[in-house]
Amino acid sequence: MAYGPVRIALASSSPLVLAGLRNGLQRRGDFEIVSARSSLDELVADALPLAQAQVGILDLATDTDAQSMAALAEHGPALVLLLHEQEVPIADWQAFGQVR
């Protein structure tokens, strides 16, 4: 049985990280980028492409708003969180059931 490409939504405040993720995933050929935005808020506002995404890849270097994370989780894609060496409130998100 043949499956189509995995549909990905990307969010990063870094243009370099966003371009690297987009180019690297597209080169593989088995991923389709349906949305690429510079913040979680922009990604959540981009409702139609986001609804088509199977996976959301989020660079949390500067964007760690729990409300945006909760709104994104409501749309249903599996989330991959890219964390940097800084304090990020993952325990807070887990306590509210937003990250599993």
Protein backbone atom coordinates (compact mmCIF):
# COMPACT_ATOMS: atom_id res chain seq x y z
CA MET A 1 0.00 0.00 0.00
CA ALA A 2 1.45 3.37 -1.02
CA TYR A 3 1.19 6.31 1.35
CA GLY A 4 1.55 9.97 0.45
CA PRO A 5 4.07 12.34 1.96
CA VAL A 6 3.85 13.29 5.63
CA ARG A 7 2.29 16.76 5.83
CA ILE A 8 4.30 19.10 8.09
CA ALA A 9 3.61 22.51 9.67
CA LEU A 10 6.70 24.41 10.84
CA ALA A 11 7.14 27.29 13.29
CA SER A 12 10.39 29.03 14.20
CA SER A 13 11.29 32.61 15.00
CA SER A 14 14.65 32.03 13.31
CA PRO A 15 14.60 32.40 9.51
CA LEU A 16 17.71 30.21 9.34
CA VAL A 17 16.12 27.35 11.34
CA LEU A 18 12.87 27.65 9.37
CA ALA A 19 14.69 27.55 6.02
CA GLY A 20 16.89 24.64 7.15
CA LEU A 21 13.93 22.58 8.30
CA ARG A 22 11.93 23.34 5.16
CA ASN A 23 14.78 22.62 2.74
CA GLY A 24 16.00 19.52 4.56
CA LEU A 25 12.56 17.95 4.79
CA GLN A 26 11.58 18.81 1.21
CA ARG A 27 14.82 17.32 -0.15
CA ARG A 28 13.91 13.95 1.32
CA GLY A 29 10.84 13.79 -0.90
CA ASP A 30 8.56 12.08 1.63
CA PHE A 31 7.49 15.27 3.42
CA GLU A 32 5.19 18.08 2.29
CA ILE A 33 5.42 21.46 4.04
CA VAL A 34 1.84 22.74 4.33
CA SER A 35 2.68 25.79 6.46
CA ALA A 36 5.84 27.56 7.66
CA ARG A 37 5.47 30.49 10.03
CA SER A 38 7.70 32.62 12.25
CA SER A 39 5.67 32.13 15.45
CA LEU A 40 3.22 29.80 17.14
CA ASP A 41 0.53 32.48 16.96
CA GLU A 42 0.96 32.77 13.18
CA LEU A 43 0.85 29.00 12.80
CA VAL A 44 -2.36 28.72 14.83
CA ALA A 45 -3.91 31.60 12.82
CA ASP A 46 -3.06 29.72 9.60
CA ALA A 47 -5.98 27.36 10.29
CA LEU A 48 -6.62 25.70 6.91
CA PRO A 49 -3.07 24.49 6.20
CA LEU A 50 -2.62 23.63 9.86
CA ALA A 51 -5.71 21.43 9.76
CA GLN A 52 -4.08 19.50 6.91
CA ALA A 53 -0.85 18.91 8.85
CA GLN A 54 -0.10 15.52 10.34
CA VAL A 55 2.95 16.78 12.27
CA GLY A 56 3.87 20.18 13.71
CA ILE A 57 7.56 20.91 14.25
CA LEU A 58 8.02 23.81 16.67
CA ASP A 59 11.28 25.58 17.46
CA LEU A 60 10.74 26.88 20.97
CA ALA A 61 13.85 29.06 21.15
CA THR A 62 11.82 32.18 21.91
CA ASP A 63 8.18 31.11 21.59
CA THR A 64 7.01 29.23 24.67
CA ASP A 65 3.50 30.60 25.14
CA ALA A 66 1.38 27.88 26.78
CA GLN A 67 -1.88 29.32 25.40
CA SER A 68 -0.60 29.07 21.83
CA MET A 69 0.56 25.51 22.51
CA ALA A 70 -2.91 24.61 23.79
CA ALA A 71 -4.57 26.16 20.73
CA LEU A 72 -2.20 24.26 18.45
CA ALA A 73 -2.85 20.98 20.25
CA GLU A 74 -6.58 21.41 19.57
CA HIS A 75 -5.94 21.18 15.83
CA GLY A 76 -4.67 17.64 16.18
CA PRO A 77 -1.25 17.27 14.56
CA ALA A 78 1.40 15.35 16.46
CA LEU A 79 3.92 17.84 17.83
CA VAL A 80 7.71 17.72 17.74
CA LEU A 81 9.27 20.33 20.04
CA LEU A 82 12.78 21.59 19.34
CA LEU A 83 14.27 22.83 22.60
CA HIS A 84 17.45 24.78 23.22
CA GLU A 85 19.58 24.92 26.31
CA GLN A 86 17.33 27.24 28.24
CA GLU A 87 14.58 26.92 30.76
CA VAL A 88 11.32 25.97 29.03
CA PRO A 89 8.10 25.35 31.00
CA ILE A 90 7.52 21.78 29.74
CA ALA A 91 6.42 20.65 33.21
CA ASP A 92 3.73 23.37 33.21
CA TRP A 93 2.45 22.20 29.80
CA GLN A 94 2.41 18.58 30.97
CA ALA A 95 0.48 19.55 34.09
CA PHE A 96 -2.26 21.02 31.88
CA GLY A 97 -2.25 17.99 29.57
CA GLN A 98 -0.87 19.98 26.65
CA VAL A 99 2.25 17.87 26.10
CA ARG A 100 2.33 14.10 26.41
